[in-house]
C-alpha atoms as a PDB file:
ATOM      1  CA  MET A   1     119.564  36.106 123.074  1.00  0.00           C
ATOM      2  CA  THR A   2     118.289  34.406 119.908  1.00  0.00           C
ATOM      3  CA  ASN A   3     115.393  32.303 119.112  1.00  0.00           C
ATOM      4  CA  THR A   4     115.771  30.286 115.880  1.00  0.00           C
ATOM      5  CA  THR A   5     112.689  28.064 116.027  1.00  0.00           C
ATOM      6  CA  SER A   6     110.917  28.053 112.751  1.00  0.00           C
ATOM      7  CA  SER A   7     107.430  29.708 114.371  1.00  0.00           C
ATOM      8  CA  GLN A   8     109.322  32.546 116.152  1.00  0.00           C
ATOM      9  CA  ARG A   9     112.300  34.002 113.947  1.00  0.00           C
ATOM     10  CA  THR A  10     112.833  36.955 116.102  1.00  0.00           C
ATOM     11  CA  ASP A  11     116.523  37.876 116.851  1.00  0.00           C
ATOM     12  CA  TRP A  12     116.966  39.946 120.295  1.00  0.00           C
ATOM     13  CA  HIS A  13     119.879  42.329 121.201  1.00  0.00           C
ATOM     14  CA  VAL A  14     119.655  43.479 124.701  1.00  0.00           C
ATOM     15  CA  SER A  15     122.646  45.290 126.138  1.00  0.00           C
ATOM     16  CA  LEU A  16     123.173  48.191 128.619  1.00  0.00           C
ATOM     17  CA  ILE A  17     125.588  50.054 126.399  1.00  0.00           C
ATOM     18  CA  GLY A  18     126.224  49.068 122.758  1.00  0.00           C
ATOM     19  CA  GLY A  19     124.182  48.172 119.933  1.00  0.00           C
ATOM     20  CA  LEU A  20     124.045  46.004 116.914  1.00  0.00           C
ATOM     21  CA  LYS A  21     126.281  46.139 113.905  1.00  0.00           C
ATOM     22  CA  ARG A  22     125.942  43.676 111.210  1.00  0.00           C
ATOM     23  CA  ARG A  23     126.867  43.199 107.542  1.00  0.00           C
ATOM     24  CA  GLY A  24     128.117  40.697 105.016  1.00  0.00           C
ATOM     25  CA  PRO A  25     126.631  37.747 103.432  1.00  0.00           C
ATOM     26  CA  GLY A  26     124.742  36.022 106.041  1.00  0.00           C
ATOM     27  CA  ARG A  27     120.978  35.657 106.301  1.00  0.00           C
ATOM     28  CA  MET A  28     119.068  38.439 108.049  1.00  0.00           C
ATOM     29  CA  PRO A  29     116.450  37.332 110.619  1.00  0.00           C
ATOM     30  CA  ALA A  30     112.876  37.911 109.568  1.00  0.00           C
ATOM     31  CA  ASP A  31     112.549  40.036 112.964  1.00  0.00           C
ATOM     32  CA  THR A  32     115.496  41.760 114.774  1.00  0.00           C
ATOM     33  CA  VAL A  33     114.747  43.954 117.976  1.00  0.00           C
ATOM     34  CA  VAL A  34     117.435  45.870 119.333  1.00  0.00           C
ATOM     35  CA  LEU A  35     116.867  47.181 123.263  1.00  0.00           C
ATOM     36  CA  THR A  36     119.488  49.382 124.504  1.00  0.00           C
ATOM     37  CA  PRO A  37     119.532  52.559 126.733  1.00  0.00           C
ATOM     38  CA  ILE A  38     122.533  53.833 124.837  1.00  0.00           C
ATOM     39  CA  GLY A  39     123.492  52.371 121.348  1.00  0.00           C
ATOM     40  CA  GLY A  40     121.943  51.978 117.972  1.00  0.00           C
ATOM     41  CA  ALA A  41     121.796  49.620 114.941  1.00  0.00           C
ATOM     42  CA  ASP A  42     124.264  49.767 111.922  1.00  0.00           C
ATOM     43  CA  LEU A  43     123.076  47.335 109.468  1.00  0.00           C
ATOM     44  CA  ASP A  44     124.564  46.892 105.964  1.00  0.00           C
ATOM     45  CA  LEU A  45     122.032  44.311 104.189  1.00  0.00           C
ATOM     46  CA  ARG A  46     123.513  44.837 100.359  1.00  0.00           C
ATOM     47  CA  ASP A  47     124.964  41.201 100.824  1.00  0.00           C
ATOM     48  CA  ALA A  48     122.651  39.620 103.299  1.00  0.00           C
ATOM     49  CA  ARG A  49     120.075  37.190 102.468  1.00  0.00           C
ATOM     50  CA  ILE A  50     116.827  39.134 103.215  1.00  0.00           C
ATOM     51  CA  GLU A  51     113.245  37.605 103.713  1.00  0.00           C
ATOM     52  CA  ALA A  52     110.340  38.896 101.756  1.00  0.00           C
ATOM     53  CA  ILE A  53     109.502  40.925 104.722  1.00  0.00           C
ATOM     54  CA  THR A  54     112.100  41.899 107.309  1.00  0.00           C
ATOM     55  CA  SER A  55     111.563  44.087 110.359  1.00  0.00           C
ATOM     56  CA  VAL A  56     114.012  45.918 112.434  1.00  0.00           C
ATOM     57  CA  THR A  57     112.582  47.427 115.699  1.00  0.00           C
ATOM     58  CA  LYS A  58     115.094  49.683 117.685  1.00  0.00           C
ATOM     59  CA  ILE A  59     114.435  51.143 121.224  1.00  0.00           C
ATOM     60  CA  SER A  60     116.471  53.285 122.988  1.00  0.00           C
ATOM     61  CA  ILE A  61     117.368  56.538 124.799  1.00  0.00           C
ATOM     62  CA  ALA A  62     120.187  57.570 122.745  1.00  0.00           C
ATOM     63  CA  GLY A  63     121.095  55.976 119.143  1.00  0.00           C
ATOM     64  CA  GLY A  64     119.689  55.976 115.970  1.00  0.00           C
ATOM     65  CA  VAL A  65     119.545  53.176 112.917  1.00  0.00           C
ATOM     66  CA  ARG A  66     121.640  53.381 109.933  1.00  0.00           C
ATOM     67  CA  LEU A  67     120.582  50.913 107.117  1.00  0.00           C
ATOM     68  CA  ARG A  68     121.952  50.258 103.701  1.00  0.00           C
ATOM     69  CA  VAL A  69     119.867  48.101 101.447  1.00  0.00           C
ATOM     70  CA  PRO A  70     120.258  46.484  98.021  1.00  0.00           C
ATOM     71  CA  ALA A  71     118.892  48.438  95.149  1.00  0.00           C
ATOM     72  CA  ASP A  72     115.696  46.197  94.659  1.00  0.00           C
ATOM     73  CA  VAL A  73     114.687  46.304  98.408  1.00  0.00           C
ATOM     74  CA  THR A  74     111.928  48.513  99.497  1.00  0.00           C
ATOM     75  CA  VAL A  75     111.941  50.256 102.946  1.00  0.00           C
ATOM     76  CA  GLU A  76     109.386  51.361 105.042  1.00  0.00           C
ATOM     77  CA  VAL A  77     110.241  53.799 107.975  1.00  0.00           C
ATOM     78  CA  GLU A  78     108.220  54.397 111.390  1.00  0.00           C
ATOM     79  CA  SER A  79     110.024  56.276 113.973  1.00  0.00           C
ATOM     80  CA  PHE A  80     109.584  58.450 116.821  1.00  0.00           C
ATOM     81  CA  SER A  81     112.707  60.594 118.223  1.00  0.00           C
ATOM     82  CA  LEU A  82     112.557  63.802 120.155  1.00  0.00           C
ATOM     83  CA  PHE A  83     115.965  64.709 118.938  1.00  0.00           C
ATOM     84  CA  GLY A  84     116.878  63.328 115.392  1.00  0.00           C
ATOM     85  CA  GLY A  85     115.742  63.094 112.200  1.00  0.00           C
ATOM     86  CA  ARG A  86     114.846  60.899 109.280  1.00  0.00           C
ATOM     87  CA  LYS A  87     116.888  60.742 106.074  1.00  0.00           C
ATOM     88  CA  VAL A  88     115.762  58.319 103.464  1.00  0.00           C
ATOM     89  CA  GLU A  89     117.360  58.344 100.087  1.00  0.00           C
ATOM     90  CA  PRO A  90     114.995  58.931  97.086  1.00  0.00           C
ATOM     91  CA  GLY A  91     113.511  56.037  95.533  1.00  0.00           C
ATOM     92  CA  THR A  92     114.140  53.708  98.752  1.00  0.00           C
ATOM     93  CA  GLN A  93     110.337  54.156  99.842  1.00  0.00           C
ATOM     94  CA  ASP A  94     108.511  53.226  96.581  1.00  0.00           C
ATOM     95  CA  THR A  95     105.568  51.387  96.709  1.00  0.00           C
ATOM     96  CA  PRO A  96     106.406  47.817  96.844  1.00  0.00           C
ATOM     97  CA  ASP A  97     104.998  45.414  94.228  1.00  0.00           C
ATOM     98  CA  ALA A  98     104.288  41.715  94.842  1.00  0.00           C
ATOM     99  CA  SER A  99     107.791  40.313  93.955  1.00  0.00           C
ATOM    100  CA  CYS A 100     109.765  43.342  95.871  1.00  0.00           C
ATOM    101  CA  ARG A 101     111.486  42.347  99.517  1.00  0.00           C
ATOM    102  CA  VAL A 102     110.488  44.650 102.099  1.00  0.00           C
ATOM    103  CA  VAL A 103     112.569  46.045 105.203  1.00  0.00           C
ATOM    104  CA  ARG A 104     110.395  47.719 107.937  1.00  0.00           C
ATOM    105  CA  VAL A 105     112.300  49.886 110.168  1.00  0.00           C
ATOM    106  CA  ARG A 106     110.938  51.178 113.559  1.00  0.00           C
ATOM    107  CA  ASN A 107     113.035  53.230 115.712  1.00  0.00           C
ATOM    108  CA  TYR A 108     111.888  54.797 119.011  1.00  0.00           C
ATOM    109  CA  SER A 109     114.176  57.131 120.942  1.00  0.00           C
ATOM    110  CA  VAL A 110     114.866  60.111 122.456  1.00  0.00           C
ATOM    111  CA  PHE A 111     118.055  61.169 120.999  1.00  0.00           C
ATOM    112  CA  GLY A 112     118.769  59.318 117.309  1.00  0.00           C
ATOM    113  CA  GLY A 113     117.461  59.319 113.807  1.00  0.00           C
ATOM    114  CA  VAL A 114     117.011  56.973 110.861  1.00  0.00           C
ATOM    115  CA  ASP A 115     119.599  57.103 107.945  1.00  0.00           C
ATOM    116  CA  VAL A 116     118.692  54.628 104.906  1.00  0.00           C
ATOM    117  CA  THR A 117     120.769  54.616 101.922  1.00  0.00           C
ATOM    118  CA  ARG A 118     120.455  52.310  98.634  1.00  0.00           C
ATOM    119  CA  GLY A 119     123.647  50.884  97.237  1.00  0.00           C
END
């Protein structure tokens, strides 16, 4: 289910098994929510059109977030995972300046972590 009205730009992905895989030059919605018992989010945003502030929220029992961002994007990570870690490439979580695009990742899972790389 995708809501594309201008006042609410949240892209919802809900499934029992499976996650979200996105890559390529398309537009990344300002807010994306992935809700699934088993499944993760694999997002390659290096060629995507990204808003000034973009957020990705992933909620699952098993599954994490793998995120690849362009060099000029700052990433903020908030996560809770009982079994899983957080790997953020150095330089990815710098303090943003006013002209920098920001991607906020929120991952809540029992099994699964967050892996962020810059490319």
